[in-house]
Amino acid sequence: MLAAAEFVFWSCVGIGLYPYAGYPLCVALLRAIRPRPVRAAAILPRVTVVISAYNEASHIEATVRNKLDQDYPRALLDVMVVSDGSTDGTDRVLRSLAQQDPRLAFFRQEPRAGKTAALNSLLERAQGEIIVFADANSMYRPDTVRRLVAPFADPSVGYASGRMLYVDPRGSLVGDGCTAYMRYENALRTLESAVGSVAGVDGGVDAIRRSLYRPMRPDQLPDFLLPLAVVEQGRRVVYAPEAVLQEATLTSEGAEYRMRVRVALRALWALWDKRALLNPVRFPLFSWQLASHKLLRYLSFLPLTAAAVLNWLLVSRGWIYAALAAGQCGAALLAVLALRGPPRLRGFFLARYCYYFLLLNWACAVALLRFLRGEKQVLWQPRTG
């Protein structure tokens, strides 16, 4: 009985940790054996930057000016913004900006229908050969658009994603955790891009060939679904780390949690909608990447929870199980200290990372439950999750 429990325990540990450690190691090995570099070059296609905004009056002017002032030929760059039923003066700001620069087109979506519906309406009007998706509160470096379109010189590339740098001047609990998580994600994307396609992108700094865009349902997540649609059409999704976006982290634990639940829920629905990509016969490499990076990552809390429970049943079986049980207690204590402890302990990096790891997995558990109930989320409050 205990021997079987040991087998199940180690199996759960391996399955639970594989998406975080085993998969990146496998991709690194594949890159060493069979690299597939992107043939990027300095090209200047016509570009349209599209933005969906809801009640972003305090950010939208700086965001739009940032895109219009990119180091890119003026005649080849335009910006389109949808105000999705805004009620805070966003429309007034956009109307004024459009009068100052004819390269800006402003539309209002009424009633409010969400980001995906807004993007569908913008893409019907967009003239650019390359469409860049920007957030209403994101700031690009001056050369970000140039860097983002460079991979499209390779005809095999249909989608490119830049690098998001989270700015957290206050060193908040979730801010530090989110920043560390994105560093890990960006390293993994570098590896994935070197062998084929990345399985996840940053929605505020990504681009697609206009000819490959496919309209989506309002409940679908563009940041996740569009790259999958591109792979489905036989093109690559690649990572362009030189195309940098700076965005402030969420500093509220509740806001970060709600955002993670929302993203995980919509990603699970996207995986369901594009489940054909998990067929290893049709997509031998990408099916493995998608299952490892996304599906197993979102579900890893299941084997990890099972392993945590079994660990306590096996404490008497040897020192390794006792040490792992003590490690569980230590990680839980660090997470609690990060959340409720004195300032000196709250700032300890291991405590912050333990807390953020637990937050991510709890959000995935809640998202899975909502997914199984058939729930979908179309609208949300920006910057608060």
Protein backbone atom coordinates (compact mmCIF):
# COMPACT_ATOMS: atom_id res chain seq x y z
CA MET A 1 0.00 0.00 0.00
CA LEU A 2 2.70 2.49 1.01
CA ALA A 3 4.87 1.41 -1.92
CA ALA A 4 2.02 2.30 -4.28
CA ALA A 5 1.57 5.61 -2.46
CA GLU A 6 5.27 6.35 -2.98
CA PHE A 7 4.95 5.67 -6.71
CA VAL A 8 1.91 7.96 -6.96
CA PHE A 9 3.67 10.62 -4.89
CA TRP A 10 6.76 10.79 -7.09
CA SER A 11 4.62 10.63 -10.22
CA CYS A 12 2.62 13.63 -9.01
CA VAL A 13 5.80 15.51 -8.14
CA GLY A 14 7.22 14.86 -11.60
CA ILE A 15 4.02 15.81 -13.43
CA GLY A 16 3.49 18.91 -11.29
CA LEU A 17 7.02 20.23 -11.70
CA TYR A 18 7.47 19.22 -15.35
CA PRO A 19 5.84 22.37 -16.83
CA TYR A 20 8.08 24.60 -14.68
CA ALA A 21 11.41 22.79 -14.91
CA GLY A 22 11.33 19.68 -17.10
CA TYR A 23 9.79 21.32 -20.14
CA PRO A 24 12.25 24.27 -20.27
CA LEU A 25 15.15 21.81 -20.05
CA CYS A 26 13.71 19.77 -22.91
CA VAL A 27 13.29 22.86 -25.08
CA ALA A 28 16.86 23.97 -24.30
CA LEU A 29 18.11 20.55 -25.38
CA LEU A 30 16.04 20.69 -28.57
CA ARG A 31 17.47 24.13 -29.38
CA ALA A 32 20.98 22.75 -29.07
CA ILE A 33 20.16 19.82 -31.36
CA ARG A 34 17.86 21.44 -33.92
CA PRO A 35 17.76 25.24 -33.81
CA ARG A 36 15.41 27.13 -36.11
CA PRO A 37 16.50 30.78 -36.08
CA VAL A 38 14.26 33.62 -37.20
CA ARG A 39 15.57 35.53 -40.23
CA ALA A 40 14.73 39.01 -38.94
CA ALA A 41 15.68 42.13 -40.88
CA ALA A 42 15.12 45.89 -40.84
CA ILE A 43 11.91 46.17 -42.86
CA LEU A 44 9.34 48.99 -43.03
CA PRO A 45 5.86 47.63 -43.76
CA ARG A 46 2.71 49.72 -43.26
CA VAL A 47 1.77 49.40 -39.56
CA THR A 48 -1.48 50.05 -37.74
CA VAL A 49 -1.43 50.14 -33.94
CA VAL A 50 -4.80 49.19 -32.43
CA ILE A 51 -5.92 49.95 -28.87
CA SER A 52 -9.09 49.17 -26.95
CA ALA A 53 -9.75 51.55 -24.05
CA TYR A 54 -12.33 51.63 -21.30
CA ASN A 55 -12.23 54.56 -18.83
CA GLU A 56 -8.54 55.27 -19.42
CA ALA A 57 -8.70 59.09 -19.45
CA SER A 58 -5.70 59.36 -17.14
CA HIS A 59 -3.47 57.18 -19.36
CA ILE A 60 -4.73 57.27 -22.93
CA GLU A 61 -3.12 60.53 -24.09
CA ALA A 62 0.37 59.45 -23.03
CA THR A 63 -0.19 56.01 -24.55
CA VAL A 64 -1.37 57.32 -27.92
CA ARG A 65 1.39 59.93 -28.16
CA ASN A 66 3.91 57.25 -27.30
CA LYS A 67 2.75 55.20 -30.30
CA LEU A 68 2.52 58.15 -32.70
CA ASP A 69 6.04 59.26 -31.72
CA GLN A 70 7.65 55.91 -32.49
CA ASP A 71 10.90 55.94 -34.45
CA TYR A 72 9.11 54.82 -37.60
CA PRO A 73 8.26 56.63 -40.86
CA ARG A 74 5.20 58.81 -40.20
CA ALA A 75 3.59 57.88 -43.49
CA LEU A 76 3.76 54.19 -42.63
CA LEU A 77 2.32 54.30 -39.10
CA ASP A 78 -1.20 55.03 -37.89
CA VAL A 79 -3.09 54.43 -34.65
CA MET A 80 -6.70 53.31 -34.18
CA VAL A 81 -8.45 53.44 -30.80
CA VAL A 82 -11.85 52.16 -29.73
CA SER A 83 -13.42 53.67 -26.64
CA ASP A 84 -15.47 50.77 -25.31
CA GLY A 85 -18.38 52.61 -23.73
CA SER A 86 -16.09 54.85 -21.66
CA THR A 87 -17.75 57.25 -19.21
CA ASP A 88 -14.77 59.11 -17.72
CA GLY A 89 -13.70 61.54 -20.45
CA THR A 90 -11.65 59.11 -22.52
CA ASP A 91 -13.64 60.09 -25.62
CA ARG A 92 -12.92 63.78 -25.11
CA VAL A 93 -9.18 63.15 -24.87
CA LEU A 94 -9.16 60.97 -27.98
CA ARG A 95 -11.25 63.43 -29.98
CA SER A 96 -8.79 66.21 -29.17
CA LEU A 97 -5.80 64.07 -30.13
CA ALA A 98 -7.43 63.03 -33.42
CA GLN A 99 -7.86 66.70 -34.34
CA GLN A 100 -4.15 67.27 -33.74
CA ASP A 101 -2.82 64.29 -35.69
CA PRO A 102 -4.67 62.80 -38.69
CA ARG A 103 -2.83 59.51 -38.19
CA LEU A 104 -5.11 58.80 -35.20
CA ALA A 105 -8.57 57.37 -35.82
CA PHE A 106 -11.00 57.24 -32.90
CA PHE A 107 -14.17 55.17 -32.69
CA ARG A 108 -16.72 54.60 -29.95
CA GLN A 109 -18.21 51.18 -29.20
CA GLU A 110 -21.65 51.44 -27.67
CA PRO A 111 -22.88 49.59 -25.71
CA ARG A 112 -19.76 48.30 -24.03
CA ALA A 113 -18.90 44.90 -25.50
CA GLY A 114 -15.33 44.17 -24.40
CA LYS A 115 -11.83 44.23 -25.86
CA THR A 116 -12.26 41.38 -28.33
CA ALA A 117 -15.34 42.89 -29.97
CA ALA A 118 -13.50 46.22 -30.16
CA LEU A 119 -10.52 44.63 -31.90
CA ASN A 120 -12.78 42.87 -34.39
CA SER A 121 -14.31 46.22 -35.37
CA LEU A 122 -10.91 47.91 -35.65
CA LEU A 123 -9.45 45.18 -37.86
CA GLU A 124 -12.27 45.68 -40.35
CA ARG A 125 -10.97 49.22 -40.89
CA ALA A 126 -7.21 48.80 -40.40
CA GLN A 127 -4.98 49.49 -43.39
CA GLY A 128 -1.65 48.23 -42.07
CA GLU A 129 0.06 45.15 -43.45
CA ILE A 130 1.17 44.50 -39.87
CA ILE A 131 -1.22 45.06 -36.97
CA VAL A 132 0.31 45.92 -33.60
CA PHE A 133 -1.80 45.33 -30.47
CA ALA A 134 -1.17 47.82 -27.65
CA ASP A 135 -2.78 48.27 -24.25
CA ALA A 136 -4.33 51.55 -23.13
CA ASN A 137 -1.81 51.94 -20.29
CA SER A 138 1.40 50.64 -21.90
CA MET A 139 4.49 52.56 -22.90
CA TYR A 140 6.82 51.49 -25.71
CA ARG A 141 10.47 52.33 -26.10
CA PRO A 142 11.08 54.57 -29.16
CA ASP A 143 12.23 51.65 -31.34
CA THR A 144 9.67 49.06 -30.18
CA VAL A 145 7.58 49.05 -33.37
CA ARG A 146 10.69 48.71 -35.55
CA ARG A 147 11.91 45.83 -33.42
CA LEU A 148 8.50 44.18 -33.39
CA VAL A 149 8.07 44.12 -37.17
CA ALA A 150 11.63 42.93 -37.92
CA PRO A 151 10.79 39.20 -37.56
CA PHE A 152 8.16 39.53 -40.31
CA ALA A 153 11.01 39.69 -42.81
CA ASP A 154 10.97 35.91 -42.37
CA PRO A 155 8.01 34.66 -44.46
CA SER A 156 7.43 31.77 -42.04
CA VAL A 157 6.55 34.24 -39.26
CA GLY A 158 2.92 35.23 -38.82
CA TYR A 159 2.94 36.63 -35.30
CA ALA A 160 5.55 38.34 -33.11
CA SER A 161 5.51 39.17 -29.41
CA GLY A 162 7.77 41.61 -27.60
CA ARG A 163 9.07 41.71 -24.06
CA MET A 164 7.05 43.15 -21.21
CA LEU A 165 8.99 44.84 -18.43
CA TYR A 166 6.92 45.36 -15.33
CA VAL A 167 7.75 48.54 -13.45
CA ASP A 168 7.29 48.25 -9.70
CA PRO A 169 8.95 51.23 -7.98
CA ARG A 170 7.28 50.46 -4.64
CA GLY A 171 8.49 46.86 -4.48
CA SER A 172 5.04 45.49 -3.72
CA LEU A 173 4.39 41.86 -2.83
CA VAL A 174 2.62 40.90 -6.05
CA GLY A 175 4.77 43.29 -8.07
CA ASP A 176 8.01 41.51 -7.21
CA GLY A 177 6.42 38.11 -7.77
CA CYS A 178 4.96 39.15 -11.11
CA THR A 179 8.30 40.60 -12.25
CA ALA A 180 10.15 37.40 -11.38
CA TYR A 181 7.49 35.29 -13.10
CA MET A 182 7.79 37.35 -16.29
CA ARG A 183 11.57 36.96 -16.30
CA TYR A 184 11.06 33.21 -16.21
CA GLU A 185 8.39 33.36 -18.94
CA ASN A 186 10.60 35.50 -21.19
CA ALA A 187 13.51 33.08 -20.85
CA LEU A 188 11.20 30.22 -21.82
CA ARG A 189 9.86 32.16 -24.81
CA THR A 190 13.41 32.74 -26.03
CA LEU A 191 13.96 28.98 -26.04
CA GLU A 192 10.61 28.22 -27.69
CA SER A 193 11.12 30.80 -30.42
CA ALA A 194 14.48 29.24 -31.27
CA VAL A 195 12.89 25.86 -32.07
CA GLY A 196 9.49 26.77 -33.53
CA SER A 197 6.71 28.85 -32.03
CA VAL A 198 6.12 30.34 -28.59
CA ALA A 199 3.05 29.07 -26.75
CA GLY A 200 2.24 32.34 -25.00
CA VAL A 201 2.56 36.06 -25.77
CA ASP A 202 2.30 39.46 -24.07
CA GLY A 203 -0.88 41.09 -25.30
CA GLY A 204 0.33 44.66 -24.96
CA VAL A 205 3.26 44.35 -27.36
CA ASP A 206 2.48 41.87 -30.11
CA ALA A 207 1.79 41.97 -33.84
CA ILE A 208 0.16 39.89 -36.56
CA ARG A 209 0.11 39.86 -40.34
CA ARG A 210 -3.20 41.48 -41.27
CA SER A 211 -3.93 38.67 -43.72
CA LEU A 212 -3.84 36.09 -40.90
CA TYR A 213 -6.26 37.81 -38.55
CA ARG A 214 -9.47 35.91 -37.91
CA PRO A 215 -12.45 37.51 -36.08
CA MET A 216 -13.10 36.13 -32.61
CA ARG A 217 -16.10 35.71 -30.35
CA PRO A 218 -16.39 38.40 -27.65
CA ASP A 219 -15.59 35.88 -24.91
CA GLN A 220 -12.33 34.72 -26.50
CA LEU A 221 -8.92 35.97 -25.33
CA PRO A 222 -7.04 37.67 -28.21
CA ASP A 223 -3.63 37.38 -26.54
CA PHE A 224 -4.00 33.60 -26.47
CA LEU A 225 -6.34 32.71 -29.32
CA LEU A 226 -4.79 34.75 -32.15
CA PRO A 227 -1.33 33.15 -31.87
CA LEU A 228 -2.98 29.73 -31.89
CA ALA A 229 -4.94 30.68 -35.01
CA VAL A 230 -1.67 31.70 -36.68
CA VAL A 231 -0.04 28.36 -35.88
CA GLU A 232 -3.17 26.65 -37.18
CA GLN A 233 -2.57 28.45 -40.49
CA GLY A 234 0.97 27.08 -40.73
CA ARG A 235 2.93 30.17 -39.61
CA ARG A 236 5.27 30.69 -36.67
CA VAL A 237 4.72 32.75 -33.54
CA VAL A 238 8.06 34.17 -32.39
CA TYR A 239 9.52 36.20 -29.55
CA ALA A 240 11.17 39.59 -30.22
CA PRO A 241 12.84 40.53 -26.90
CA GLU A 242 14.23 43.81 -28.28
CA ALA A 243 10.66 45.13 -28.68
CA VAL A 244 10.11 46.38 -25.14
CA LEU A 245 6.95 47.44 -23.36
CA GLN A 246 6.98 48.99 -19.90
CA GLU A 247 3.90 48.62 -17.76
CA ALA A 248 3.21 49.15 -14.07
CA THR A 249 2.52 46.01 -12.07
CA LEU A 250 -0.64 45.58 -10.11
CA THR A 251 0.20 46.22 -6.46
CA SER A 252 -2.98 44.88 -4.85
CA GLU A 253 -3.08 41.18 -4.04
CA GLY A 254 -6.80 41.09 -4.83
CA ALA A 255 -6.33 42.80 -8.19
CA GLU A 256 -3.52 40.44 -9.21
CA TYR A 257 -5.55 37.43 -8.14
CA ARG A 258 -8.62 38.52 -10.12
CA MET A 259 -6.48 39.22 -13.17
CA ARG A 260 -4.85 35.78 -12.95
CA VAL A 261 -8.22 34.06 -12.60
CA ARG A 262 -9.58 35.96 -15.60
CA VAL A 263 -6.55 35.17 -17.78
CA ALA A 264 -6.52 31.50 -16.79
CA LEU A 265 -10.26 31.13 -17.38
CA ARG A 266 -10.14 32.65 -20.84
CA ALA A 267 -6.99 30.67 -21.69
CA LEU A 268 -8.72 27.43 -20.75
CA TRP A 269 -11.58 28.31 -23.09
CA ALA A 270 -9.05 29.16 -25.83
CA LEU A 271 -7.38 25.78 -25.34
CA TRP A 272 -10.79 24.16 -25.66
CA ASP A 273 -11.63 26.13 -28.80
CA LYS A 274 -8.26 25.29 -30.37
CA ARG A 275 -7.96 21.75 -29.00
CA ALA A 276 -7.13 20.51 -32.51
CA LEU A 277 -3.66 21.98 -31.94
CA LEU A 278 -3.09 19.37 -29.22
CA ASN A 279 -3.21 16.65 -31.89
CA PRO A 280 0.39 15.34 -32.16
CA VAL A 281 -0.27 13.85 -35.58
CA ARG A 282 -1.11 17.21 -37.15
CA PHE A 283 1.13 19.39 -34.98
CA PRO A 284 3.90 17.13 -33.64
CA LEU A 285 6.08 19.85 -32.11
CA PHE A 286 3.59 22.54 -31.21
CA SER A 287 1.11 20.12 -29.61
CA TRP A 288 3.85 19.16 -27.16
CA GLN A 289 4.76 22.81 -26.56
CA LEU A 290 1.16 23.88 -26.02
CA ALA A 291 0.36 20.97 -23.70
CA SER A 292 3.55 21.49 -21.68
CA HIS A 293 3.64 25.28 -21.45
CA LYS A 294 -0.05 25.99 -21.06
CA LEU A 295 -2.35 23.04 -20.40
CA LEU A 296 -0.16 21.26 -17.88
CA ARG A 297 0.89 24.57 -16.34
CA TYR A 298 -2.71 25.57 -15.66
CA LEU A 299 -3.47 22.11 -14.26
CA SER A 300 -0.23 21.58 -12.31
CA PHE A 301 -1.94 22.47 -9.03
CA LEU A 302 -3.78 19.13 -9.21
CA PRO A 303 -0.74 16.80 -9.05
CA LEU A 304 1.11 19.22 -6.74
CA THR A 305 -1.80 19.23 -4.29
CA ALA A 306 -2.03 15.44 -4.42
CA ALA A 307 1.72 15.18 -3.79
CA ALA A 308 1.47 17.57 -0.85
CA VAL A 309 -1.23 15.42 0.78
CA LEU A 310 0.57 12.12 0.10
CA ASN A 311 3.79 13.58 1.49
CA TRP A 312 2.30 13.62 4.99
CA LEU A 313 1.17 10.01 4.70
CA LEU A 314 4.73 9.02 3.81
CA VAL A 315 6.65 10.94 6.47
CA SER A 316 7.54 7.72 8.29
CA ARG A 317 9.01 6.16 5.11
CA GLY A 318 12.30 8.00 5.23
CA TRP A 319 14.17 11.24 5.77
CA ILE A 320 13.40 12.55 2.28
CA TYR A 321 9.68 12.64 3.00
CA ALA A 322 10.24 14.29 6.37
CA ALA A 323 12.44 16.90 4.70
CA LEU A 324 9.84 17.58 2.01
CA ALA A 325 7.10 17.90 4.62
CA ALA A 326 9.26 20.41 6.51
CA GLY A 327 9.79 22.24 3.23
CA GLN A 328 6.03 22.47 2.79
CA CYS A 329 5.70 24.03 6.23
CA GLY A 330 8.53 26.41 5.49
CA ALA A 331 7.04 27.54 2.17
CA ALA A 332 3.62 28.05 3.76
CA LEU A 333 5.15 30.04 6.59
CA LEU A 334 7.10 32.21 4.16
CA ALA A 335 3.93 32.90 2.15
CA VAL A 336 2.06 33.92 5.31
CA LEU A 337 4.94 36.14 6.41
CA ALA A 338 5.04 37.76 2.99
CA LEU A 339 1.37 38.60 3.32
CA ARG A 340 1.01 39.42 7.02
CA GLY A 341 4.48 39.49 8.56
CA PRO A 342 6.66 42.41 9.71
CA PRO A 343 8.10 44.67 6.95
CA ARG A 344 11.59 43.14 7.10
CA LEU A 345 10.25 39.63 6.50
CA ARG A 346 7.69 40.78 3.94
CA GLY A 347 10.58 42.01 1.81
CA PHE A 348 12.41 38.65 1.82
CA PHE A 349 12.50 37.51 -1.80
CA LEU A 350 11.83 33.83 -1.08
CA ALA A 351 8.74 34.77 0.92
CA ARG A 352 7.42 36.87 -1.97
CA TYR A 353 8.08 34.12 -4.50
CA CYS A 354 6.38 31.47 -2.35
CA TYR A 355 3.36 33.72 -1.96
CA TYR A 356 3.13 34.48 -5.68
CA PHE A 357 3.49 30.82 -6.63
CA LEU A 358 0.61 29.93 -4.32
CA LEU A 359 -1.46 32.83 -5.69
CA LEU A 360 -0.90 31.65 -9.28
CA ASN A 361 -1.93 28.09 -8.51
CA TRP A 362 -4.95 29.10 -6.44
CA ALA A 363 -6.09 31.34 -9.32
CA CYS A 364 -5.72 28.39 -11.71
CA ALA A 365 -7.81 26.19 -9.41
CA VAL A 366 -10.60 28.77 -9.25
CA ALA A 367 -10.43 29.30 -13.02
CA LEU A 368 -10.71 25.55 -13.67
CA LEU A 369 -13.77 25.33 -11.43
CA ARG A 370 -15.41 28.22 -13.28
CA PHE A 371 -14.48 26.64 -16.61
CA LEU A 372 -16.09 23.33 -15.62
CA ARG A 373 -19.21 25.27 -14.66
CA GLY A 374 -19.30 26.77 -18.15
CA GLU A 375 -18.63 30.34 -16.98
CA LYS A 376 -17.10 32.90 -19.34
CA GLN A 377 -15.87 36.44 -18.75
CA VAL A 378 -16.08 39.12 -21.41
CA LEU A 379 -15.88 42.40 -19.45
CA TRP A 380 -13.67 43.48 -16.58
CA GLN A 381 -12.35 46.63 -14.96
CA PRO A 382 -8.97 47.67 -16.42
CA ARG A 383 -5.95 47.86 -14.08
CA THR A 384 -7.88 46.22 -11.27
CA GLY A 385 -8.23 42.69 -12.69
